[in-house]
Every structure is written in C-alpha cells, then in structure tokens.
PDB file of all heavy atoms in Angstrom:
ATOM      1  N   ALA A   1       1.894  -2.340  -8.714  1.00  0.00           N
ATOM      2  CA  ALA A   1       1.919  -3.657  -9.323  1.00  0.00           C
ATOM      3  C   ALA A   1       0.767  -3.749 -10.320  1.00  0.00           C
ATOM      4  O   ALA A   1      -0.297  -3.143 -10.109  1.00  0.00           O
ATOM      5  CB  ALA A   1       1.776  -4.738  -8.253  1.00  0.00           C
ATOM      6  N   ASP A   2       0.973  -4.494 -11.378  1.00  0.00           N
ATOM      7  CA  ASP A   2      -0.067  -4.606 -12.405  1.00  0.00           C
ATOM      8  C   ASP A   2      -1.386  -5.115 -11.824  1.00  0.00           C
ATOM      9  O   ASP A   2      -2.460  -4.725 -12.260  1.00  0.00           O
ATOM     10  CB  ASP A   2       0.398  -5.552 -13.527  1.00  0.00           C
ATOM     11  CG  ASP A   2       1.460  -4.929 -14.405  1.00  0.00           C
ATOM     12  OD1 ASP A   2       1.621  -3.692 -14.366  1.00  0.00           O
ATOM     13  OD2 ASP A   2       2.153  -5.678 -15.125  1.00  0.00           O
ATOM     14  N   SER A   3      -1.283  -5.970 -10.824  1.00  0.00           N
ATOM     15  CA  SER A   3      -2.485  -6.591 -10.263  1.00  0.00           C
ATOM     16  C   SER A   3      -3.390  -5.607  -9.536  1.00  0.00           C
ATOM     17  O   SER A   3      -4.568  -5.899  -9.296  1.00  0.00           O
ATOM     18  CB  SER A   3      -2.093  -7.726  -9.315  1.00  0.00           C
ATOM     19  OG  SER A   3      -1.268  -7.239  -8.281  1.00  0.00           O
ATOM     20  N   VAL A   4      -2.862  -4.442  -9.155  1.00  0.00           N
ATOM     21  CA  VAL A   4      -3.674  -3.485  -8.395  1.00  0.00           C
ATOM     22  C   VAL A   4      -3.847  -2.150  -9.113  1.00  0.00           C
ATOM     23  O   VAL A   4      -4.563  -1.275  -8.641  1.00  0.00           O
ATOM     24  CB  VAL A   4      -3.081  -3.229  -6.989  1.00  0.00           C
ATOM     25  CG1 VAL A   4      -2.864  -4.540  -6.256  1.00  0.00           C
ATOM     26  CG2 VAL A   4      -1.784  -2.416  -7.067  1.00  0.00           C
ATOM     27  N   LYS A   5      -3.216  -2.028 -10.272  1.00  0.00           N
ATOM     28  CA  LYS A   5      -3.250  -0.769 -11.002  1.00  0.00           C
ATOM     29  C   LYS A   5      -4.703  -0.400 -11.323  1.00  0.00           C
ATOM     30  O   LYS A   5      -5.480  -1.232 -11.795  1.00  0.00           O
ATOM     31  CB  LYS A   5      -2.437  -0.907 -12.283  1.00  0.00           C
ATOM     32  CG  LYS A   5      -1.749   0.356 -12.743  1.00  0.00           C
ATOM     33  CD  LYS A   5      -0.755   0.073 -13.868  1.00  0.00           C
ATOM     34  CE  LYS A   5       0.540  -0.493 -13.334  1.00  0.00           C
ATOM     35  NZ  LYS A   5       1.563  -0.653 -14.396  1.00  0.00           N
ATOM     36  N   GLY A   6      -5.057   0.844 -11.059  1.00  0.00           N
ATOM     37  CA  GLY A   6      -6.408   1.304 -11.321  1.00  0.00           C
ATOM     38  C   GLY A   6      -7.376   1.076 -10.173  1.00  0.00           C
ATOM     39  O   GLY A   6      -8.492   1.589 -10.188  1.00  0.00           O
ATOM     40  N   ARG A   7      -6.948   0.289  -9.178  1.00  0.00           N
ATOM     41  CA  ARG A   7      -7.821  -0.001  -8.037  1.00  0.00           C
ATOM     42  C   ARG A   7      -7.261   0.556  -6.731  1.00  0.00           C
ATOM     43  O   ARG A   7      -8.028   0.944  -5.846  1.00  0.00           O
ATOM     44  CB  ARG A   7      -8.026  -1.513  -7.885  1.00  0.00           C
ATOM     45  CG  ARG A   7      -8.643  -2.178  -9.090  1.00  0.00           C
ATOM     46  CD  ARG A   7      -8.971  -3.657  -8.813  1.00  0.00           C
ATOM     47  NE  ARG A   7      -7.792  -4.445  -8.534  1.00  0.00           N
ATOM     48  CZ  ARG A   7      -7.602  -5.129  -7.403  1.00  0.00           C
ATOM     49  NH1 ARG A   7      -8.509  -5.112  -6.452  1.00  0.00           N
ATOM     50  NH2 ARG A   7      -6.502  -5.852  -7.235  1.00  0.00           N
ATOM     51  N   PHE A   8      -5.936   0.551  -6.600  1.00  0.00           N
ATOM     52  CA  PHE A   8      -5.287   1.023  -5.382  1.00  0.00           C
ATOM     53  C   PHE A   8      -4.627   2.371  -5.632  1.00  0.00           C
ATOM     54  O   PHE A   8      -4.138   2.639  -6.737  1.00  0.00           O
ATOM     55  CB  PHE A   8      -4.206   0.036  -4.939  1.00  0.00           C
ATOM     56  CG  PHE A   8      -4.712  -1.277  -4.404  1.00  0.00           C
ATOM     57  CD1 PHE A   8      -6.049  -1.661  -4.540  1.00  0.00           C
ATOM     58  CD2 PHE A   8      -3.850  -2.139  -3.759  1.00  0.00           C
ATOM     59  CE1 PHE A   8      -6.500  -2.867  -4.045  1.00  0.00           C
ATOM     60  CE2 PHE A   8      -4.288  -3.360  -3.261  1.00  0.00           C
ATOM     61  CZ  PHE A   8      -5.609  -3.718  -3.411  1.00  0.00           C
ATOM     62  N   THR A   9      -4.599   3.196  -4.581  1.00  0.00           N
ATOM     63  CA  THR A   9      -3.928   4.493  -4.653  1.00  0.00           C
ATOM     64  C   THR A   9      -3.087   4.693  -3.408  1.00  0.00           C
ATOM     65  O   THR A   9      -3.610   4.637  -2.289  1.00  0.00           O
ATOM     66  CB  THR A   9      -4.941   5.642  -4.774  1.00  0.00           C
ATOM     67  OG1 THR A   9      -5.775   5.441  -5.923  1.00  0.00           O
ATOM     68  CG2 THR A   9      -4.217   6.975  -4.912  1.00  0.00           C
ATOM     69  N   ILE A  10      -1.806   4.933  -3.603  1.00  0.00           N
ATOM     70  CA  ILE A  10      -0.911   5.228  -2.478  1.00  0.00           C
ATOM     71  C   ILE A  10      -0.743   6.732  -2.387  1.00  0.00           C
ATOM     72  O   ILE A  10      -0.690   7.436  -3.409  1.00  0.00           O
ATOM     73  CB  ILE A  10       0.458   4.524  -2.654  1.00  0.00           C
ATOM     74  CG1 ILE A  10       1.310   4.666  -1.400  1.00  0.00           C
ATOM     75  CG2 ILE A  10       1.182   5.001  -3.905  1.00  0.00           C
ATOM     76  CD1 ILE A  10       2.587   3.813  -1.427  1.00  0.00           C
ATOM     77  N   SER A  11      -0.708   7.236  -1.160  1.00  0.00           N
ATOM     78  CA  SER A  11      -0.517   8.668  -0.952  1.00  0.00           C
ATOM     79  C   SER A  11       0.238   8.863   0.354  1.00  0.00           C
ATOM     80  O   SER A  11       0.402   7.927   1.138  1.00  0.00           O
ATOM     81  CB  SER A  11      -1.865   9.393  -0.925  1.00  0.00           C
ATOM     82  OG  SER A  11      -2.678   8.925   0.135  1.00  0.00           O
ATOM     83  N   ARG A  12       0.669  10.097   0.574  1.00  0.00           N
ATOM     84  CA  ARG A  12       1.417  10.370   1.797  1.00  0.00           C
ATOM     85  C   ARG A  12       1.050  11.742   2.320  1.00  0.00           C
ATOM     86  O   ARG A  12       0.745  12.655   1.543  1.00  0.00           O
ATOM     87  CB  ARG A  12       2.919  10.255   1.541  1.00  0.00           C
ATOM     88  CG  ARG A  12       3.496  11.275   0.584  1.00  0.00           C
ATOM     89  CD  ARG A  12       4.916  10.898   0.158  1.00  0.00           C
ATOM     90  NE  ARG A  12       5.789  10.689   1.308  1.00  0.00           N
ATOM     91  CZ  ARG A  12       6.929  10.015   1.285  1.00  0.00           C
ATOM     92  NH1 ARG A  12       7.357   9.486   0.147  1.00  0.00           N
ATOM     93  NH2 ARG A  12       7.662   9.871   2.364  1.00  0.00           N
ATOM     94  N   ASP A  13       1.070  11.848   3.636  1.00  0.00           N
ATOM     95  CA  ASP A  13       0.888  13.123   4.325  1.00  0.00           C
ATOM     96  C   ASP A  13       2.154  13.339   5.129  1.00  0.00           C
ATOM     97  O   ASP A  13       2.298  12.797   6.226  1.00  0.00           O
ATOM     98  CB  ASP A  13      -0.355  13.070   5.212  1.00  0.00           C
ATOM     99  CG  ASP A  13      -0.636  14.403   5.890  1.00  0.00           C
ATOM    100  OD1 ASP A  13       0.296  15.210   6.052  1.00  0.00           O
ATOM    101  OD2 ASP A  13      -1.791  14.630   6.263  1.00  0.00           O
ATOM    102  N   ASN A  14       3.076  14.101   4.574  1.00  0.00           N
ATOM    103  CA  ASN A  14       4.379  14.252   5.225  1.00  0.00           C
ATOM    104  C   ASN A  14       4.257  14.962   6.573  1.00  0.00           C
ATOM    105  O   ASN A  14       4.992  14.647   7.507  1.00  0.00           O
ATOM    106  CB  ASN A  14       5.338  15.007   4.310  1.00  0.00           C
ATOM    107  CG  ASN A  14       5.760  14.166   3.124  1.00  0.00           C
ATOM    108  OD1 ASN A  14       5.816  12.935   3.195  1.00  0.00           O
ATOM    109  ND2 ASN A  14       6.055  14.821   2.010  1.00  0.00           N
ATOM    110  N   ALA A  15       3.334  15.895   6.671  1.00  0.00           N
ATOM    111  CA  ALA A  15       3.162  16.614   7.935  1.00  0.00           C
ATOM    112  C   ALA A  15       2.733  15.666   9.051  1.00  0.00           C
ATOM    113  O   ALA A  15       3.081  15.855  10.215  1.00  0.00           O
ATOM    114  CB  ALA A  15       2.142  17.733   7.770  1.00  0.00           C
ATOM    115  N   MET A  16       1.967  14.655   8.665  1.00  0.00           N
ATOM    116  CA  MET A  16       1.480  13.676   9.647  1.00  0.00           C
ATOM    117  C   MET A  16       2.358  12.433   9.713  1.00  0.00           C
ATOM    118  O   MET A  16       2.084  11.516  10.475  1.00  0.00           O
ATOM    119  CB  MET A  16       0.048  13.257   9.296  1.00  0.00           C
ATOM    120  CG  MET A  16      -0.949  14.393   9.334  1.00  0.00           C
ATOM    121  SD  MET A  16      -1.133  15.057  11.011  1.00  0.00           S
ATOM    122  CE  MET A  16      -1.980  13.691  11.800  1.00  0.00           C
ATOM    123  N   ALA A  17       3.426  12.423   8.892  1.00  0.00           N
ATOM    124  CA  ALA A  17       4.317  11.251   8.843  1.00  0.00           C
ATOM    125  C   ALA A  17       3.507   9.970   8.631  1.00  0.00           C
ATOM    126  O   ALA A  17       3.694   8.966   9.335  1.00  0.00           O
ATOM    127  CB  ALA A  17       5.143  11.142  10.120  1.00  0.00           C
ATOM    128  N   THR A  18       2.606  10.022   7.667  1.00  0.00           N
ATOM    129  CA  THR A  18       1.716   8.883   7.419  1.00  0.00           C
ATOM    130  C   THR A  18       1.647   8.593   5.925  1.00  0.00           C
ATOM    131  O   THR A  18       1.636   9.510   5.108  1.00  0.00           O
ATOM    132  CB  THR A  18       0.297   9.181   7.948  1.00  0.00           C
ATOM    133  OG1 THR A  18       0.390   9.498   9.342  1.00  0.00           O
ATOM    134  CG2 THR A  18      -0.617   7.977   7.781  1.00  0.00           C
ATOM    135  N   VAL A  19       1.608   7.312   5.613  1.00  0.00           N
ATOM    136  CA  VAL A  19       1.430   6.858   4.242  1.00  0.00           C
ATOM    137  C   VAL A  19       0.133   6.063   4.187  1.00  0.00           C
ATOM    138  O   VAL A  19      -0.145   5.276   5.096  1.00  0.00           O
ATOM    139  CB  VAL A  19       2.616   5.982   3.794  1.00  0.00           C
ATOM    140  CG1 VAL A  19       2.426   5.517   2.349  1.00  0.00           C
ATOM    141  CG2 VAL A  19       3.924   6.758   3.922  1.00  0.00           C
ATOM    142  N   TYR A  20      -0.636   6.269   3.140  1.00  0.00           N
ATOM    143  CA  TYR A  20      -1.937   5.616   3.019  1.00  0.00           C
ATOM    144  C   TYR A  20      -1.979   4.695   1.797  1.00  0.00           C
ATOM    145  O   TYR A  20      -1.243   4.882   0.835  1.00  0.00           O
ATOM    146  CB  TYR A  20      -3.042   6.670   2.855  1.00  0.00           C
ATOM    147  CG  TYR A  20      -3.123   7.661   3.985  1.00  0.00           C
ATOM    148  CD1 TYR A  20      -2.551   8.927   3.866  1.00  0.00           C
ATOM    149  CD2 TYR A  20      -3.768   7.331   5.179  1.00  0.00           C
ATOM    150  CE1 TYR A  20      -2.620   9.841   4.904  1.00  0.00           C
ATOM    151  CE2 TYR A  20      -3.842   8.240   6.219  1.00  0.00           C
ATOM    152  CZ  TYR A  20      -3.265   9.497   6.077  1.00  0.00           C
ATOM    153  OH  TYR A  20      -3.342  10.398   7.106  1.00  0.00           O
ATOM    154  N   LEU A  21      -2.882   3.735   1.869  1.00  0.00           N
ATOM    155  CA  LEU A  21      -3.177   2.910   0.700  1.00  0.00           C
ATOM    156  C   LEU A  21      -4.696   2.788   0.613  1.00  0.00           C
ATOM    157  O   LEU A  21      -5.313   2.124   1.439  1.00  0.00           O
ATOM    158  CB  LEU A  21      -2.547   1.531   0.794  1.00  0.00           C
ATOM    159  CG  LEU A  21      -2.707   0.664  -0.466  1.00  0.00           C
ATOM    160  CD1 LEU A  21      -1.915   1.248  -1.632  1.00  0.00           C
ATOM    161  CD2 LEU A  21      -2.283  -0.783  -0.217  1.00  0.00           C
ATOM    162  N   GLN A  22      -5.275   3.474  -0.350  1.00  0.00           N
ATOM    163  CA  GLN A  22      -6.704   3.365  -0.602  1.00  0.00           C
ATOM    164  C   GLN A  22      -6.925   2.199  -1.551  1.00  0.00           C
ATOM    165  O   GLN A  22      -6.369   2.175  -2.655  1.00  0.00           O
ATOM    166  CB  GLN A  22      -7.237   4.658  -1.225  1.00  0.00           C
ATOM    167  CG  GLN A  22      -8.712   4.617  -1.582  1.00  0.00           C
ATOM    168  CD  GLN A  22      -9.607   4.538  -0.370  1.00  0.00           C
ATOM    169  OE1 GLN A  22      -9.391   5.208   0.627  1.00  0.00           O
ATOM    170  NE2 GLN A  22     -10.620   3.679  -0.430  1.00  0.00           N
ATOM    171  N   MET A  23      -7.711   1.240  -1.121  1.00  0.00           N
ATOM    172  CA  MET A  23      -7.947   0.032  -1.904  1.00  0.00           C
ATOM    173  C   MET A  23      -9.427  -0.043  -2.265  1.00  0.00           C
ATOM    174  O   MET A  23     -10.283  -0.130  -1.387  1.00  0.00           O
ATOM    175  CB  MET A  23      -7.535  -1.201  -1.105  1.00  0.00           C
ATOM    176  CG  MET A  23      -6.104  -1.135  -0.579  1.00  0.00           C
ATOM    177  SD  MET A  23      -5.564  -2.683   0.173  1.00  0.00           S
ATOM    178  CE  MET A  23      -6.675  -2.787   1.551  1.00  0.00           C
ATOM    179  N   ASN A  24      -9.706   0.040  -3.547  1.00  0.00           N
ATOM    180  CA  ASN A  24     -11.075  -0.048  -4.051  1.00  0.00           C
ATOM    181  C   ASN A  24     -11.253  -1.300  -4.894  1.00  0.00           C
ATOM    182  O   ASN A  24     -10.264  -1.913  -5.326  1.00  0.00           O
ATOM    183  CB  ASN A  24     -11.399   1.195  -4.890  1.00  0.00           C
ATOM    184  CG  ASN A  24     -11.322   2.477  -4.100  1.00  0.00           C
ATOM    185  OD1 ASN A  24     -11.598   2.504  -2.893  1.00  0.00           O
ATOM    186  ND2 ASN A  24     -10.936   3.557  -4.763  1.00  0.00           N
ATOM    187  N   SER A  25     -12.489  -1.656  -5.134  1.00  0.00           N
ATOM    188  CA  SER A  25     -12.808  -2.820  -5.975  1.00  0.00           C
ATOM    189  C   SER A  25     -12.007  -4.042  -5.536  1.00  0.00           C
ATOM    190  O   SER A  25     -11.406  -4.743  -6.363  1.00  0.00           O
ATOM    191  CB  SER A  25     -12.525  -2.517  -7.453  1.00  0.00           C
ATOM    192  OG  SER A  25     -13.260  -1.389  -7.881  1.00  0.00           O
ATOM    193  N   LEU A  26     -12.013  -4.290  -4.240  1.00  0.00           N
ATOM    194  CA  LEU A  26     -11.208  -5.379  -3.700  1.00  0.00           C
ATOM    195  C   LEU A  26     -11.695  -6.729  -4.203  1.00  0.00           C
ATOM    196  O   LEU A  26     -12.888  -6.951  -4.416  1.00  0.00           O
ATOM    197  CB  LEU A  26     -11.237  -5.330  -2.179  1.00  0.00           C
ATOM    198  CG  LEU A  26     -10.310  -4.258  -1.574  1.00  0.00           C
ATOM    199  CD1 LEU A  26     -10.709  -3.957  -0.138  1.00  0.00           C
ATOM    200  CD2 LEU A  26      -8.867  -4.718  -1.642  1.00  0.00           C
ATOM    201  N   LYS A  27     -10.719  -7.623  -4.379  1.00  0.00           N
ATOM    202  CA  LYS A  27     -10.977  -8.971  -4.857  1.00  0.00           C
ATOM    203  C   LYS A  27     -10.488  -9.970  -3.808  1.00  0.00           C
ATOM    204  O   LYS A  27      -9.577  -9.647  -3.025  1.00  0.00           O
ATOM    205  CB  LYS A  27     -10.226  -9.211  -6.169  1.00  0.00           C
ATOM    206  CG  LYS A  27     -10.518  -8.207  -7.267  1.00  0.00           C
ATOM    207  CD  LYS A  27      -9.636  -8.463  -8.476  1.00  0.00           C
ATOM    208  CE  LYS A  27      -9.887  -7.448  -9.579  1.00  0.00           C
ATOM    209  NZ  LYS A  27      -9.020  -7.692 -10.760  1.00  0.00           N
ATOM    210  N   PRO A  28     -11.025 -11.179  -3.808  1.00  0.00           N
ATOM    211  CA  PRO A  28     -10.527 -12.191  -2.852  1.00  0.00           C
ATOM    212  C   PRO A  28      -9.016 -12.397  -2.940  1.00  0.00           C
ATOM    213  O   PRO A  28      -8.373 -12.636  -1.907  1.00  0.00           O
ATOM    214  CB  PRO A  28     -11.299 -13.445  -3.260  1.00  0.00           C
ATOM    215  CG  PRO A  28     -12.577 -12.918  -3.825  1.00  0.00           C
ATOM    216  CD  PRO A  28     -12.188 -11.660  -4.553  1.00  0.00           C
ATOM    217  N   GLU A  29      -8.447 -12.263  -4.112  1.00  0.00           N
ATOM    218  CA  GLU A  29      -6.998 -12.453  -4.258  1.00  0.00           C
ATOM    219  C   GLU A  29      -6.178 -11.316  -3.664  1.00  0.00           C
ATOM    220  O   GLU A  29      -4.958 -11.388  -3.607  1.00  0.00           O
ATOM    221  CB  GLU A  29      -6.617 -12.660  -5.733  1.00  0.00           C
ATOM    222  CG  GLU A  29      -7.156 -11.609  -6.686  1.00  0.00           C
ATOM    223  CD  GLU A  29      -8.455 -12.039  -7.365  1.00  0.00           C
ATOM    224  OE1 GLU A  29      -9.347 -12.600  -6.687  1.00  0.00           O
ATOM    225  OE2 GLU A  29      -8.565 -11.796  -8.590  1.00  0.00           O
ATOM    226  N   ASP A  30      -6.842 -10.258  -3.208  1.00  0.00           N
ATOM    227  CA  ASP A  30      -6.145  -9.189  -2.492  1.00  0.00           C
ATOM    228  C   ASP A  30      -5.959  -9.527  -1.014  1.00  0.00           C
ATOM    229  O   ASP A  30      -5.276  -8.790  -0.292  1.00  0.00           O
ATOM    230  CB  ASP A  30      -6.924  -7.877  -2.596  1.00  0.00           C
ATOM    231  CG  ASP A  30      -6.981  -7.338  -4.014  1.00  0.00           C
ATOM    232  OD1 ASP A  30      -5.957  -7.385  -4.712  1.00  0.00           O
ATOM    233  OD2 ASP A  30      -8.070  -6.856  -4.410  1.00  0.00           O
ATOM    234  N   SER A  31      -6.565 -10.608  -0.557  1.00  0.00           N
ATOM    235  CA  SER A  31      -6.454 -11.006   0.838  1.00  0.00           C
ATOM    236  C   SER A  31      -5.002 -11.318   1.176  1.00  0.00           C
ATOM    237  O   SER A  31      -4.346 -12.108   0.487  1.00  0.00           O
ATOM    238  CB  SER A  31      -7.319 -12.242   1.118  1.00  0.00           C
ATOM    239  OG  SER A  31      -8.678 -11.958   0.897  1.00  0.00           O
ATOM    240  N   ALA A  32      -4.498 -10.685   2.229  1.00  0.00           N
ATOM    241  CA  ALA A  32      -3.095 -10.827   2.616  1.00  0.00           C
ATOM    242  C   ALA A  32      -2.858  -9.987   3.871  1.00  0.00           C
ATOM    243  O   ALA A  32      -3.729  -9.221   4.294  1.00  0.00           O
ATOM    244  CB  ALA A  32      -2.170 -10.350   1.494  1.00  0.00           C
ATOM    245  N   VAL A  33      -1.662 -10.129   4.423  1.00  0.00           N
ATOM    246  CA  VAL A  33      -1.199  -9.191   5.440  1.00  0.00           C
ATOM    247  C   VAL A  33      -0.443  -8.087   4.698  1.00  0.00           C
ATOM    248  O   VAL A  33       0.442  -8.367   3.882  1.00  0.00           O
ATOM    249  CB  VAL A  33      -0.277  -9.857   6.476  1.00  0.00           C
ATOM    250  CG1 VAL A  33       0.198  -8.823   7.492  1.00  0.00           C
ATOM    251  CG2 VAL A  33      -1.022 -10.988   7.177  1.00  0.00           C
ATOM    252  N   TYR A  34      -0.833  -6.862   4.957  1.00  0.00           N
ATOM    253  CA  TYR A  34      -0.244  -5.707   4.291  1.00  0.00           C
ATOM    254  C   TYR A  34       0.732  -5.007   5.241  1.00  0.00           C
ATOM    255  O   TYR A  34       0.417  -4.771   6.408  1.00  0.00           O
ATOM    256  CB  TYR A  34      -1.342  -4.742   3.846  1.00  0.00           C
ATOM    257  CG  TYR A  34      -2.071  -5.211   2.612  1.00  0.00           C
ATOM    258  CD1 TYR A  34      -2.956  -6.289   2.674  1.00  0.00           C
ATOM    259  CD2 TYR A  34      -1.875  -4.594   1.373  1.00  0.00           C
ATOM    260  CE1 TYR A  34      -3.614  -6.743   1.537  1.00  0.00           C
ATOM    261  CE2 TYR A  34      -2.534  -5.034   0.227  1.00  0.00           C
ATOM    262  CZ  TYR A  34      -3.403  -6.114   0.321  1.00  0.00           C
ATOM    263  OH  TYR A  34      -4.057  -6.554  -0.800  1.00  0.00           O
ATOM    264  N   TYR A  35       1.894  -4.675   4.697  1.00  0.00           N
ATOM    265  CA  TYR A  35       2.946  -4.019   5.452  1.00  0.00           C
ATOM    266  C   TYR A  35       3.382  -2.744   4.744  1.00  0.00           C
ATOM    267  O   TYR A  35       3.354  -2.675   3.517  1.00  0.00           O
ATOM    268  CB  TYR A  35       4.182  -4.916   5.545  1.00  0.00           C
ATOM    269  CG  TYR A  35       3.963  -6.273   6.134  1.00  0.00           C
ATOM    270  CD1 TYR A  35       3.570  -7.354   5.332  1.00  0.00           C
ATOM    271  CD2 TYR A  35       4.188  -6.516   7.485  1.00  0.00           C
ATOM    272  CE1 TYR A  35       3.399  -8.614   5.868  1.00  0.00           C
ATOM    273  CE2 TYR A  35       4.017  -7.783   8.022  1.00  0.00           C
ATOM    274  CZ  TYR A  35       3.619  -8.815   7.210  1.00  0.00           C
ATOM    275  OH  TYR A  35       3.446 -10.066   7.748  1.00  0.00           O
ATOM    276  N   CYS A  36       3.807  -1.769   5.525  1.00  0.00           N
ATOM    277  CA  CYS A  36       4.489  -0.651   4.897  1.00  0.00           C
ATOM    278  C   CYS A  36       5.962  -0.720   5.280  1.00  0.00           C
ATOM    279  O   CYS A  36       6.333  -1.265   6.321  1.00  0.00           O
ATOM    280  CB  CYS A  36       3.874   0.690   5.261  1.00  0.00           C
ATOM    281  SG  CYS A  36       4.180   1.249   6.931  1.00  0.00           S
ATOM    282  N   ASN A  37       6.773  -0.198   4.426  1.00  0.00           N
ATOM    283  CA  ASN A  37       8.214  -0.203   4.630  1.00  0.00           C
ATOM    284  C   ASN A  37       8.791   0.834   3.682  1.00  0.00           C
ATOM    285  O   ASN A  37       8.076   1.434   2.870  1.00  0.00           O
ATOM    286  CB  ASN A  37       8.793  -1.590   4.339  1.00  0.00           C
ATOM    287  CG  ASN A  37      10.104  -1.852   5.044  1.00  0.00           C
ATOM    288  OD1 ASN A  37      10.975  -0.990   5.095  1.00  0.00           O
ATOM    289  ND2 ASN A  37      10.256  -3.041   5.605  1.00  0.00           N
ATOM    290  N   PHE A  38      10.075   1.020   3.772  1.00  0.00           N
ATOM    291  CA  PHE A  38      10.723   1.888   2.818  1.00  0.00           C
ATOM    292  C   PHE A  38      10.709   1.201   1.454  1.00  0.00           C
ATOM    293  O   PHE A  38      10.400   0.013   1.335  1.00  0.00           O
ATOM    294  CB  PHE A  38      12.169   2.151   3.266  1.00  0.00           C
ATOM    295  CG  PHE A  38      12.252   2.771   4.615  1.00  0.00           C
ATOM    296  CD1 PHE A  38      12.449   1.988   5.751  1.00  0.00           C
ATOM    297  CD2 PHE A  38      12.107   4.132   4.779  1.00  0.00           C
ATOM    298  CE1 PHE A  38      12.514   2.552   7.008  1.00  0.00           C
ATOM    299  CE2 PHE A  38      12.168   4.708   6.028  1.00  0.00           C
ATOM    300  CZ  PHE A  38      12.367   3.927   7.147  1.00  0.00           C
ATOM    301  N   ALA A  39      11.038   1.981   0.432  1.00  0.00           N
ATOM    302  CA  ALA A  39      11.144   1.426  -0.922  1.00  0.00           C
ATOM    303  C   ALA A  39      12.493   1.845  -1.479  1.00  0.00           C
ATOM    304  O   ALA A  39      12.688   3.037  -1.746  1.00  0.00           O
ATOM    305  CB  ALA A  39       9.991   1.917  -1.800  1.00  0.00           C
ATOM    306  N   PRO A  40      13.431   0.905  -1.687  1.00  0.00           N
ATOM    307  CA  PRO A  40      13.340  -0.522  -1.391  1.00  0.00           C
ATOM    308  C   PRO A  40      13.192  -0.813   0.108  1.00  0.00           C
ATOM    309  O   PRO A  40      13.557   0.005   0.948  1.00  0.00           O
ATOM    310  CB  PRO A  40      14.674  -1.074  -1.898  1.00  0.00           C
ATOM    311  CG  PRO A  40      15.282  -0.013  -2.741  1.00  0.00           C
ATOM    312  CD  PRO A  40      14.728   1.282  -2.258  1.00  0.00           C
ATOM    313  N   ALA A  41      12.678  -1.990   0.399  1.00  0.00           N
ATOM    314  CA  ALA A  41      12.386  -2.361   1.775  1.00  0.00           C
ATOM    315  C   ALA A  41      13.666  -2.548   2.589  1.00  0.00           C
ATOM    316  O   ALA A  41      14.694  -2.968   2.083  1.00  0.00           O
ATOM    317  CB  ALA A  41      11.568  -3.648   1.801  1.00  0.00           C
ATOM    318  N   ARG A  42      13.552  -2.219   3.870  1.00  0.00           N
ATOM    319  CA  ARG A  42      14.627  -2.471   4.821  1.00  0.00           C
ATOM    320  C   ARG A  42      14.168  -3.548   5.778  1.00  0.00           C
ATOM    321  O   ARG A  42      12.981  -3.860   5.867  1.00  0.00           O
ATOM    322  CB  ARG A  42      14.964  -1.183   5.577  1.00  0.00           C
ATOM    323  CG  ARG A  42      15.395  -0.060   4.674  1.00  0.00           C
ATOM    324  CD  ARG A  42      15.788   1.162   5.463  1.00  0.00           C
ATOM    325  NE  ARG A  42      16.064   2.297   4.598  1.00  0.00           N
ATOM    326  CZ  ARG A  42      16.465   3.492   5.040  1.00  0.00           C
ATOM    327  NH1 ARG A  42      16.627   3.681   6.337  1.00  0.00           N
ATOM    328  NH2 ARG A  42      16.692   4.475   4.192  1.00  0.00           N
ATOM    329  N   ASN A  43      15.097  -4.060   6.534  1.00  0.00           N
ATOM    330  CA  ASN A  43      14.789  -5.190   7.392  1.00  0.00           C
ATOM    331  C   ASN A  43      14.214  -4.741   8.718  1.00  0.00           C
ATOM    332  O   ASN A  43      14.745  -5.041   9.773  1.00  0.00           O
ATOM    333  CB  ASN A  43      16.037  -6.045   7.611  1.00  0.00           C
ATOM    334  CG  ASN A  43      15.694  -7.377   8.226  1.00  0.00           C
ATOM    335  OD1 ASN A  43      14.593  -7.881   8.042  1.00  0.00           O
ATOM    336  ND2 ASN A  43      16.627  -7.949   8.970  1.00  0.00           N
ATOM    337  N   ASN A  44      13.114  -4.011   8.681  1.00  0.00           N
ATOM    338  CA  ASN A  44      12.441  -3.611   9.916  1.00  0.00           C
ATOM    339  C   ASN A  44      10.949  -3.653   9.684  1.00  0.00           C
ATOM    340  O   ASN A  44      10.261  -2.645   9.749  1.00  0.00           O
ATOM    341  CB  ASN A  44      12.899  -2.234  10.397  1.00  0.00           C
ATOM    342  CG  ASN A  44      12.654  -1.147   9.369  1.00  0.00           C
ATOM    343  OD1 ASN A  44      12.555  -1.406   8.177  1.00  0.00           O
ATOM    344  ND2 ASN A  44      12.531   0.085   9.818  1.00  0.00           N
ATOM    345  N   TRP A  45      10.445  -4.865   9.447  1.00  0.00           N
ATOM    346  CA  TRP A  45       9.038  -5.061   9.179  1.00  0.00           C
ATOM    347  C   TRP A  45       8.216  -4.927  10.444  1.00  0.00           C
ATOM    348  O   TRP A  45       8.617  -5.388  11.506  1.00  0.00           O
ATOM    349  CB  TRP A  45       8.802  -6.440   8.562  1.00  0.00           C
ATOM    350  CG  TRP A  45       9.482  -6.607   7.245  1.00  0.00           C
ATOM    351  CD1 TRP A  45      10.688  -7.193   7.013  1.00  0.00           C
ATOM    352  CD2 TRP A  45       9.008  -6.145   5.982  1.00  0.00           C
ATOM    353  NE1 TRP A  45      10.998  -7.132   5.676  1.00  0.00           N
ATOM    354  CE2 TRP A  45       9.978  -6.497   5.018  1.00  0.00           C
ATOM    355  CE3 TRP A  45       7.863  -5.469   5.554  1.00  0.00           C
ATOM    356  CZ2 TRP A  45       9.827  -6.195   3.660  1.00  0.00           C
ATOM    357  CZ3 TRP A  45       7.711  -5.174   4.209  1.00  0.00           C
ATOM    358  CH2 TRP A  45       8.689  -5.536   3.275  1.00  0.00           C
TER     359      TRP A  45
END
C-alpha cells in the first residue's frame, strides 16, 4: 500500500511455513490489528 511503501517489508520462509512483516519507521497511524491471510483474502481470519 502507498501508505507503507518504503517502510514495511513482507517476506516469506516457505520451509518454515511463515510469512513476516518487518515494519520500520512506525507512525501512530499504523496502529491497528494486523492479520495475515491469503491474497486475495479468504474468509478464515
């Protein structure tokens, strides 16, 4: 998303079946509940 470009980095470790989100230079407007899901999202939050 434009609002996080240059600050956030998504990555994945397929061997570990894990997806990461590195968030740097956080701002108060980044405050939220963060979820992972498929892309596009499925109904299993």
